[in-house]
Amino acid sequence: MEKRDITEDTTSDPLADPLSRSTERLAQTPRAKRNVDHLSRPGALPPAPGRLRAVLFRSVWFPTVLLTILAVLTEQVLTNGPLLAVDRWTRDTVQGWVAADPWSWTNSLAEYWTDLGLATYSGTVLALTALTATTRTRSWRPLSAALLAALALFGTVIPGKILIGRPGPEGAPVASGDWGWFPSGHTATASICLGTAALILCRAWPGLRRVIYPLTAFLCTGVGACLIWRDYHWLWDVVASGCLTGIVLWCLSRWILRTDPSV
């Protein structure tokens, strides 16, 4: 039988695929075939799992920063601190735009948009999403997340409104035991309910992330902006509710809905 010469040919084309030292078959992972360029993922080789957005969202610094901002804003509201000048400037500027607005439909649009902050709408979306995802995944996690989100919403926003008792932009005093304007209940209701629904939906149908997450952020940001446009809330009321929403969603994503470390 004729013996084959399996010695590596060093004079061959350097761009040709390298052969294994023991056989004539191509190596399992030829160097020329290796893909080492992961543009969408941070870190050195081997690539770190997940995208930068997911890494930042999972970091403990994310809720820590939000909690710090929330604490600072609460202290400023309670002590009538200098940051409240930003509230007054924002209100004067926005209401100047409203007075000069030549289109009547913008006020109607803003009014309807703020209705997303009613539990009738956003709460219904959360409940239906949780039931649908529970049926699909055959897991109680979606319903548990929805219940915990509702408890976090009503267990923080309502007591905060009563204890802080901040007057609204129109300046009417808040009687003892009544709800104040800080933090914004409409912003928190829309953001926590719709944000939790988005997390649940995208855990059950991961392919929807690119659409659901930006759409949810757009709708919830619009609620806060429209509340300021309609002179229903101060700027810091809305920002405080946004911080609270981020903390709640971070906790749910990390401990209740966490199924894939890359999301």
C-alpha atoms as a PDB file:
ATOM      1  CA  MET A   1       0.000   0.000   0.000  1.00  0.00           C
ATOM      2  CA  GLU A   2       1.339   3.398  -0.933  1.00  0.00           C
ATOM      3  CA  LYS A   3       2.196   5.547   2.032  1.00  0.00           C
ATOM      4  CA  ARG A   4       0.888   9.065   2.093  1.00  0.00           C
ATOM      5  CA  ASP A   5       3.154  11.918   2.940  1.00  0.00           C
ATOM      6  CA  ILE A   6       1.267  13.910   5.518  1.00  0.00           C
ATOM      7  CA  THR A   7       4.108  16.304   6.281  1.00  0.00           C
ATOM      8  CA  GLU A   8       2.890  19.880   6.367  1.00  0.00           C
ATOM      9  CA  ASP A   9       3.802  21.791   3.242  1.00  0.00           C
ATOM     10  CA  THR A  10       5.412  25.010   4.341  1.00  0.00           C
ATOM     11  CA  THR A  11       5.646  26.262   0.773  1.00  0.00           C
ATOM     12  CA  SER A  12       1.923  26.193   0.158  1.00  0.00           C
ATOM     13  CA  ASP A  13      -0.274  29.248  -0.026  1.00  0.00           C
ATOM     14  CA  PRO A  14      -0.186  30.921   3.390  1.00  0.00           C
ATOM     15  CA  LEU A  15      -3.846  31.822   2.967  1.00  0.00           C
ATOM     16  CA  ALA A  16      -4.890  28.190   2.584  1.00  0.00           C
ATOM     17  CA  ASP A  17      -6.649  26.487   5.479  1.00  0.00           C
ATOM     18  CA  PRO A  18      -4.142  24.730   7.771  1.00  0.00           C
ATOM     19  CA  LEU A  19      -4.181  20.918   8.045  1.00  0.00           C
ATOM     20  CA  SER A  20      -4.219  18.958  11.221  1.00  0.00           C
ATOM     21  CA  ARG A  21      -0.862  17.519  12.257  1.00  0.00           C
ATOM     22  CA  SER A  22      -2.197  13.945  12.384  1.00  0.00           C
ATOM     23  CA  THR A  23      -4.564  13.756   9.414  1.00  0.00           C
ATOM     24  CA  GLU A  24      -5.294  15.417   6.115  1.00  0.00           C
ATOM     25  CA  ARG A  25      -8.653  16.666   7.415  1.00  0.00           C
ATOM     26  CA  LEU A  26      -9.074  20.321   8.173  1.00  0.00           C
ATOM     27  CA  ALA A  27      -8.633  21.232  11.801  1.00  0.00           C
ATOM     28  CA  GLN A  28     -11.834  21.688  13.768  1.00  0.00           C
ATOM     29  CA  THR A  29     -11.182  25.385  14.348  1.00  0.00           C
ATOM     30  CA  PRO A  30      -8.731  26.656  11.728  1.00  0.00           C
ATOM     31  CA  ARG A  31      -7.175  29.939  12.663  1.00  0.00           C
ATOM     32  CA  ALA A  32      -8.222  31.428   9.351  1.00  0.00           C
ATOM     33  CA  LYS A  33     -11.837  30.526  10.093  1.00  0.00           C
ATOM     34  CA  ARG A  34     -12.055  31.878  13.618  1.00  0.00           C
ATOM     35  CA  ASN A  35     -14.338  34.828  14.099  1.00  0.00           C
ATOM     36  CA  VAL A  36     -12.786  37.017  16.760  1.00  0.00           C
ATOM     37  CA  ASP A  37     -14.573  40.236  15.905  1.00  0.00           C
ATOM     38  CA  HIS A  38     -17.609  40.675  18.160  1.00  0.00           C
ATOM     39  CA  LEU A  39     -18.474  44.282  17.504  1.00  0.00           C
ATOM     40  CA  SER A  40     -21.753  44.222  19.404  1.00  0.00           C
ATOM     41  CA  ARG A  41     -20.353  42.768  22.616  1.00  0.00           C
ATOM     42  CA  PRO A  42     -18.058  44.451  25.148  1.00  0.00           C
ATOM     43  CA  GLY A  43     -14.925  42.963  26.594  1.00  0.00           C
ATOM     44  CA  ALA A  44     -11.872  41.133  25.341  1.00  0.00           C
ATOM     45  CA  LEU A  45     -11.696  37.639  23.924  1.00  0.00           C
ATOM     46  CA  PRO A  46     -13.444  35.480  24.866  1.00  0.00           C
ATOM     47  CA  PRO A  47     -16.327  37.931  24.495  1.00  0.00           C
ATOM     48  CA  ALA A  48     -18.218  38.900  27.596  1.00  0.00           C
ATOM     49  CA  PRO A  49     -21.809  37.633  27.548  1.00  0.00           C
ATOM     50  CA  GLY A  50     -24.606  40.075  26.913  1.00  0.00           C
ATOM     51  CA  ARG A  51     -24.740  43.550  25.555  1.00  0.00           C
ATOM     52  CA  LEU A  52     -23.551  46.684  27.281  1.00  0.00           C
ATOM     53  CA  ARG A  53     -27.144  47.715  28.013  1.00  0.00           C
ATOM     54  CA  ALA A  54     -27.828  44.455  29.813  1.00  0.00           C
ATOM     55  CA  VAL A  55     -24.573  44.655  31.787  1.00  0.00           C
ATOM     56  CA  LEU A  56     -25.368  48.172  32.985  1.00  0.00           C
ATOM     57  CA  PHE A  57     -28.935  47.244  33.857  1.00  0.00           C
ATOM     58  CA  ARG A  58     -27.787  44.244  35.921  1.00  0.00           C
ATOM     59  CA  SER A  59     -25.165  46.261  37.792  1.00  0.00           C
ATOM     60  CA  VAL A  60     -25.939  47.153  41.399  1.00  0.00           C
ATOM     61  CA  TRP A  61     -24.860  50.713  40.597  1.00  0.00           C
ATOM     62  CA  PHE A  62     -27.992  51.179  38.500  1.00  0.00           C
ATOM     63  CA  PRO A  63     -30.504  51.105  41.406  1.00  0.00           C
ATOM     64  CA  THR A  64     -27.977  52.755  43.719  1.00  0.00           C
ATOM     65  CA  VAL A  65     -27.741  55.844  41.516  1.00  0.00           C
ATOM     66  CA  LEU A  66     -31.518  55.975  41.093  1.00  0.00           C
ATOM     67  CA  LEU A  67     -32.082  55.637  44.839  1.00  0.00           C
ATOM     68  CA  THR A  68     -29.602  58.441  45.490  1.00  0.00           C
ATOM     69  CA  ILE A  69     -31.366  60.755  43.037  1.00  0.00           C
ATOM     70  CA  LEU A  70     -34.730  59.893  44.579  1.00  0.00           C
ATOM     71  CA  ALA A  71     -33.419  60.615  48.085  1.00  0.00           C
ATOM     72  CA  VAL A  72     -31.946  63.968  47.023  1.00  0.00           C
ATOM     73  CA  LEU A  73     -35.174  65.053  45.327  1.00  0.00           C
ATOM     74  CA  THR A  74     -37.249  64.020  48.344  1.00  0.00           C
ATOM     75  CA  GLU A  75     -34.985  66.014  50.667  1.00  0.00           C
ATOM     76  CA  GLN A  76     -35.217  69.053  48.400  1.00  0.00           C
ATOM     77  CA  VAL A  77     -39.008  68.892  48.330  1.00  0.00           C
ATOM     78  CA  LEU A  78     -39.260  68.503  52.111  1.00  0.00           C
ATOM     79  CA  THR A  79     -36.864  71.379  52.820  1.00  0.00           C
ATOM     80  CA  ASN A  80     -37.868  73.605  49.894  1.00  0.00           C
ATOM     81  CA  GLY A  81     -34.297  73.370  48.641  1.00  0.00           C
ATOM     82  CA  PRO A  82     -32.638  75.260  45.784  1.00  0.00           C
ATOM     83  CA  LEU A  83     -33.288  72.511  43.235  1.00  0.00           C
ATOM     84  CA  LEU A  84     -36.970  73.454  43.275  1.00  0.00           C
ATOM     85  CA  ALA A  85     -36.009  76.530  41.264  1.00  0.00           C
ATOM     86  CA  VAL A  86     -35.578  74.133  38.333  1.00  0.00           C
ATOM     87  CA  ASP A  87     -39.194  73.073  38.814  1.00  0.00           C
ATOM     88  CA  ARG A  88     -40.416  76.653  38.674  1.00  0.00           C
ATOM     89  CA  TRP A  89     -38.281  77.523  35.655  1.00  0.00           C
ATOM     90  CA  THR A  90     -39.456  74.414  33.793  1.00  0.00           C
ATOM     91  CA  ARG A  91     -43.096  75.174  34.525  1.00  0.00           C
ATOM     92  CA  ASP A  92     -42.803  78.784  33.371  1.00  0.00           C
ATOM     93  CA  THR A  93     -41.007  77.743  30.185  1.00  0.00           C
ATOM     94  CA  VAL A  94     -43.399  74.941  29.264  1.00  0.00           C
ATOM     95  CA  GLN A  95     -46.500  76.977  30.013  1.00  0.00           C
ATOM     96  CA  GLY A  96     -45.099  79.713  27.802  1.00  0.00           C
ATOM     97  CA  TRP A  97     -44.921  77.162  25.006  1.00  0.00           C
ATOM     98  CA  VAL A  98     -48.468  76.048  25.739  1.00  0.00           C
ATOM     99  CA  ALA A  99     -49.773  79.616  25.570  1.00  0.00           C
ATOM    100  CA  ALA A 100     -48.013  80.192  22.243  1.00  0.00           C
ATOM    101  CA  ASP A 101     -49.021  76.829  20.761  1.00  0.00           C
ATOM    102  CA  PRO A 102     -51.037  77.475  17.567  1.00  0.00           C
ATOM    103  CA  TRP A 103     -52.388  73.911  17.381  1.00  0.00           C
ATOM    104  CA  SER A 104     -55.347  73.034  19.557  1.00  0.00           C
ATOM    105  CA  TRP A 105     -54.909  69.302  19.042  1.00  0.00           C
ATOM    106  CA  THR A 106     -51.706  69.152  21.106  1.00  0.00           C
ATOM    107  CA  ASN A 107     -53.588  69.756  24.358  1.00  0.00           C
ATOM    108  CA  SER A 108     -56.111  67.063  23.482  1.00  0.00           C
ATOM    109  CA  LEU A 109     -53.326  64.618  22.607  1.00  0.00           C
ATOM    110  CA  ALA A 110     -51.508  65.374  25.856  1.00  0.00           C
ATOM    111  CA  GLU A 111     -54.714  64.874  27.851  1.00  0.00           C
ATOM    112  CA  TYR A 112     -55.367  61.466  26.292  1.00  0.00           C
ATOM    113  CA  TRP A 113     -51.736  60.468  26.721  1.00  0.00           C
ATOM    114  CA  THR A 114     -51.848  61.153  30.448  1.00  0.00           C
ATOM    115  CA  ASP A 115     -54.729  58.678  30.713  1.00  0.00           C
ATOM    116  CA  LEU A 116     -52.149  55.905  30.314  1.00  0.00           C
ATOM    117  CA  GLY A 117     -51.300  56.705  33.916  1.00  0.00           C
ATOM    118  CA  LEU A 118     -54.686  55.457  35.084  1.00  0.00           C
ATOM    119  CA  ALA A 119     -54.711  51.987  36.611  1.00  0.00           C
ATOM    120  CA  THR A 120     -57.778  51.251  34.481  1.00  0.00           C
ATOM    121  CA  TYR A 121     -55.595  51.172  31.376  1.00  0.00           C
ATOM    122  CA  SER A 122     -52.025  50.352  32.365  1.00  0.00           C
ATOM    123  CA  GLY A 123     -53.116  47.965  35.117  1.00  0.00           C
ATOM    124  CA  THR A 124     -55.326  46.091  32.673  1.00  0.00           C
ATOM    125  CA  VAL A 125     -52.424  45.790  30.220  1.00  0.00           C
ATOM    126  CA  LEU A 126     -50.224  44.354  32.974  1.00  0.00           C
ATOM    127  CA  ALA A 127     -52.859  41.847  34.100  1.00  0.00           C
ATOM    128  CA  LEU A 128     -53.592  40.590  30.576  1.00  0.00           C
ATOM    129  CA  THR A 129     -49.886  40.326  29.749  1.00  0.00           C
ATOM    130  CA  ALA A 130     -49.164  38.368  32.924  1.00  0.00           C
ATOM    131  CA  LEU A 131     -52.014  35.931  32.274  1.00  0.00           C
ATOM    132  CA  THR A 132     -50.968  35.411  28.662  1.00  0.00           C
ATOM    133  CA  ALA A 133     -47.310  34.851  29.555  1.00  0.00           C
ATOM    134  CA  THR A 134     -48.240  32.480  32.380  1.00  0.00           C
ATOM    135  CA  THR A 135     -50.264  30.387  29.964  1.00  0.00           C
ATOM    136  CA  ARG A 136     -47.447  30.305  27.431  1.00  0.00           C
ATOM    137  CA  THR A 137     -44.545  29.618  29.794  1.00  0.00           C
ATOM    138  CA  ARG A 138     -46.491  27.470  32.278  1.00  0.00           C
ATOM    139  CA  SER A 139     -44.752  29.325  35.074  1.00  0.00           C
ATOM    140  CA  TRP A 140     -46.071  31.426  37.936  1.00  0.00           C
ATOM    141  CA  ARG A 141     -43.275  33.966  37.556  1.00  0.00           C
ATOM    142  CA  PRO A 142     -45.215  36.376  35.300  1.00  0.00           C
ATOM    143  CA  LEU A 143     -48.133  36.560  37.732  1.00  0.00           C
ATOM    144  CA  SER A 144     -45.758  36.879  40.682  1.00  0.00           C
ATOM    145  CA  ALA A 145     -43.955  39.743  38.965  1.00  0.00           C
ATOM    146  CA  ALA A 146     -47.222  41.532  38.196  1.00  0.00           C
ATOM    147  CA  LEU A 147     -48.412  41.169  41.796  1.00  0.00           C
ATOM    148  CA  LEU A 148     -45.129  42.401  43.254  1.00  0.00           C
ATOM    149  CA  ALA A 149     -45.095  45.352  40.848  1.00  0.00           C
ATOM    150  CA  ALA A 150     -48.589  46.349  41.980  1.00  0.00           C
ATOM    151  CA  LEU A 151     -47.607  46.028  45.642  1.00  0.00           C
ATOM    152  CA  ALA A 152     -44.479  48.122  45.076  1.00  0.00           C
ATOM    153  CA  LEU A 153     -46.522  50.775  43.284  1.00  0.00           C
ATOM    154  CA  PHE A 154     -49.248  51.183  45.881  1.00  0.00           C
ATOM    155  CA  GLY A 155     -46.905  50.561  48.808  1.00  0.00           C
ATOM    156  CA  THR A 156     -44.538  53.408  47.927  1.00  0.00           C
ATOM    157  CA  VAL A 157     -46.291  56.058  45.841  1.00  0.00           C
ATOM    158  CA  ILE A 158     -49.439  56.508  47.933  1.00  0.00           C
ATOM    159  CA  PRO A 159     -47.641  56.686  51.319  1.00  0.00           C
ATOM    160  CA  GLY A 160     -45.095  59.043  49.762  1.00  0.00           C
ATOM    161  CA  LYS A 161     -47.817  61.368  48.510  1.00  0.00           C
ATOM    162  CA  ILE A 162     -49.491  61.449  51.926  1.00  0.00           C
ATOM    163  CA  LEU A 163     -46.332  61.864  54.000  1.00  0.00           C
ATOM    164  CA  ILE A 164     -44.654  64.476  51.797  1.00  0.00           C
ATOM    165  CA  GLY A 165     -47.826  66.358  50.864  1.00  0.00           C
ATOM    166  CA  ARG A 166     -46.279  68.568  48.205  1.00  0.00           C
ATOM    167  CA  PRO A 167     -48.604  71.166  46.619  1.00  0.00           C
ATOM    168  CA  GLY A 168     -49.146  71.002  42.878  1.00  0.00           C
ATOM    169  CA  PRO A 169     -48.111  73.555  40.249  1.00  0.00           C
ATOM    170  CA  GLU A 170     -51.266  75.596  40.857  1.00  0.00           C
ATOM    171  CA  GLY A 171     -50.231  76.075  44.482  1.00  0.00           C
ATOM    172  CA  ALA A 172     -53.315  74.728  46.254  1.00  0.00           C
ATOM    173  CA  PRO A 173     -52.363  73.525  49.770  1.00  0.00           C
ATOM    174  CA  VAL A 174     -52.629  69.833  50.620  1.00  0.00           C
ATOM    175  CA  ALA A 175     -54.756  69.014  53.652  1.00  0.00           C
ATOM    176  CA  SER A 176     -53.459  66.571  56.234  1.00  0.00           C
ATOM    177  CA  GLY A 177     -54.004  63.001  55.030  1.00  0.00           C
ATOM    178  CA  ASP A 178     -54.660  64.038  51.433  1.00  0.00           C
ATOM    179  CA  TRP A 179     -52.500  62.976  48.533  1.00  0.00           C
ATOM    180  CA  GLY A 180     -49.795  65.405  47.465  1.00  0.00           C
ATOM    181  CA  TRP A 181     -48.140  65.683  44.067  1.00  0.00           C
ATOM    182  CA  PHE A 182     -44.762  64.101  44.869  1.00  0.00           C
ATOM    183  CA  PRO A 183     -44.031  61.605  43.407  1.00  0.00           C
ATOM    184  CA  SER A 184     -46.228  61.578  40.302  1.00  0.00           C
ATOM    185  CA  GLY A 185     -48.808  58.811  40.615  1.00  0.00           C
ATOM    186  CA  HIS A 186     -49.714  58.808  36.922  1.00  0.00           C
ATOM    187  CA  THR A 187     -46.068  58.520  35.874  1.00  0.00           C
ATOM    188  CA  ALA A 188     -45.368  55.735  38.360  1.00  0.00           C
ATOM    189  CA  THR A 189     -48.527  53.805  37.463  1.00  0.00           C
ATOM    190  CA  ALA A 190     -47.868  53.940  33.731  1.00  0.00           C
ATOM    191  CA  SER A 191     -44.146  53.232  34.005  1.00  0.00           C
ATOM    192  CA  ILE A 192     -44.268  50.412  36.555  1.00  0.00           C
ATOM    193  CA  CYS A 193     -47.278  48.657  35.021  1.00  0.00           C
ATOM    194  CA  LEU A 194     -46.239  49.011  31.385  1.00  0.00           C
ATOM    195  CA  GLY A 195     -42.566  48.432  32.196  1.00  0.00           C
ATOM    196  CA  THR A 196     -43.343  45.224  34.064  1.00  0.00           C
ATOM    197  CA  ALA A 197     -45.630  44.122  31.239  1.00  0.00           C
ATOM    198  CA  ALA A 198     -42.778  44.721  28.776  1.00  0.00           C
ATOM    199  CA  LEU A 199     -40.365  42.623  30.861  1.00  0.00           C
ATOM    200  CA  ILE A 200     -42.885  39.791  31.132  1.00  0.00           C
ATOM    201  CA  LEU A 201     -43.757  39.913  27.445  1.00  0.00           C
ATOM    202  CA  CYS A 202     -40.144  39.897  26.294  1.00  0.00           C
ATOM    203  CA  ARG A 203     -39.251  36.990  28.572  1.00  0.00           C
ATOM    204  CA  ALA A 204     -42.025  34.943  26.966  1.00  0.00           C
ATOM    205  CA  TRP A 205     -41.346  36.195  23.413  1.00  0.00           C
ATOM    206  CA  PRO A 206     -37.672  37.307  23.255  1.00  0.00           C
ATOM    207  CA  GLY A 207     -37.964  38.282  19.603  1.00  0.00           C
ATOM    208  CA  LEU A 208     -40.159  41.247  20.545  1.00  0.00           C
ATOM    209  CA  ARG A 209     -37.487  43.044  22.581  1.00  0.00           C
ATOM    210  CA  ARG A 210     -36.331  45.387  19.826  1.00  0.00           C
ATOM    211  CA  VAL A 211     -39.886  46.680  19.438  1.00  0.00           C
ATOM    212  CA  ILE A 212     -41.430  46.411  22.911  1.00  0.00           C
ATOM    213  CA  TYR A 213     -38.671  48.029  24.982  1.00  0.00           C
ATOM    214  CA  PRO A 214     -38.310  51.228  22.898  1.00  0.00           C
ATOM    215  CA  LEU A 215     -42.094  51.524  22.509  1.00  0.00           C
ATOM    216  CA  THR A 216     -42.655  51.189  26.259  1.00  0.00           C
ATOM    217  CA  ALA A 217     -39.958  53.752  27.040  1.00  0.00           C
ATOM    218  CA  PHE A 218     -41.513  56.154  24.526  1.00  0.00           C
ATOM    219  CA  LEU A 219     -45.027  55.793  25.953  1.00  0.00           C
ATOM    220  CA  CYS A 220     -43.949  56.165  29.581  1.00  0.00           C
ATOM    221  CA  THR A 221     -41.705  59.145  28.880  1.00  0.00           C
ATOM    222  CA  GLY A 222     -44.595  60.707  26.995  1.00  0.00           C
ATOM    223  CA  VAL A 223     -46.864  60.362  30.029  1.00  0.00           C
ATOM    224  CA  GLY A 224     -44.455  62.348  32.173  1.00  0.00           C
ATOM    225  CA  ALA A 225     -43.914  64.993  29.503  1.00  0.00           C
ATOM    226  CA  CYS A 226     -47.654  65.409  28.949  1.00  0.00           C
ATOM    227  CA  LEU A 227     -48.282  65.786  32.685  1.00  0.00           C
ATOM    228  CA  ILE A 228     -45.856  68.703  32.710  1.00  0.00           C
ATOM    229  CA  TRP A 229     -47.381  70.113  29.515  1.00  0.00           C
ATOM    230  CA  ARG A 230     -50.860  70.030  31.042  1.00  0.00           C
ATOM    231  CA  ASP A 231     -49.548  71.649  34.251  1.00  0.00           C
ATOM    232  CA  TYR A 232     -50.589  68.650  36.336  1.00  0.00           C
ATOM    233  CA  HIS A 233     -47.149  67.999  37.855  1.00  0.00           C
ATOM    234  CA  TRP A 234     -43.774  69.518  38.570  1.00  0.00           C
ATOM    235  CA  LEU A 235     -40.708  68.204  36.745  1.00  0.00           C
ATOM    236  CA  TRP A 236     -39.193  66.611  39.858  1.00  0.00           C
ATOM    237  CA  ASP A 237     -42.459  64.776  40.571  1.00  0.00           C
ATOM    238  CA  VAL A 238     -42.064  63.002  37.249  1.00  0.00           C
ATOM    239  CA  VAL A 239     -38.327  62.382  37.649  1.00  0.00           C
ATOM    240  CA  ALA A 240     -38.844  60.878  41.118  1.00  0.00           C
ATOM    241  CA  SER A 241     -41.400  58.429  39.743  1.00  0.00           C
ATOM    242  CA  GLY A 242     -38.991  57.520  36.955  1.00  0.00           C
ATOM    243  CA  CYS A 243     -36.302  56.694  39.522  1.00  0.00           C
ATOM    244  CA  LEU A 244     -38.745  54.595  41.528  1.00  0.00           C
ATOM    245  CA  THR A 245     -39.769  52.760  38.359  1.00  0.00           C
ATOM    246  CA  GLY A 246     -36.168  51.932  37.500  1.00  0.00           C
ATOM    247  CA  ILE A 247     -35.568  50.465  40.955  1.00  0.00           C
ATOM    248  CA  VAL A 248     -38.712  48.311  40.826  1.00  0.00           C
ATOM    249  CA  LEU A 249     -37.986  47.013  37.320  1.00  0.00           C
ATOM    250  CA  TRP A 250     -34.367  46.279  38.244  1.00  0.00           C
ATOM    251  CA  CYS A 251     -35.473  44.180  41.213  1.00  0.00           C
ATOM    252  CA  LEU A 252     -38.050  42.285  39.153  1.00  0.00           C
ATOM    253  CA  SER A 253     -35.617  41.636  36.318  1.00  0.00           C
ATOM    254  CA  ARG A 254     -32.849  40.475  38.631  1.00  0.00           C
ATOM    255  CA  TRP A 255     -34.734  38.230  41.049  1.00  0.00           C
ATOM    256  CA  ILE A 256     -38.175  37.351  39.683  1.00  0.00           C
ATOM    257  CA  LEU A 257     -37.990  37.301  35.894  1.00  0.00           C
ATOM    258  CA  ARG A 258     -34.334  36.436  35.453  1.00  0.00           C
ATOM    259  CA  THR A 259     -34.133  33.415  33.184  1.00  0.00           C
ATOM    260  CA  ASP A 260     -31.225  34.233  30.863  1.00  0.00           C
ATOM    261  CA  PRO A 261     -28.169  36.047  32.199  1.00  0.00           C
ATOM    262  CA  SER A 262     -27.634  37.702  28.827  1.00  0.00           C
ATOM    263  CA  VAL A 263     -30.895  39.681  28.962  1.00  0.00           C
END
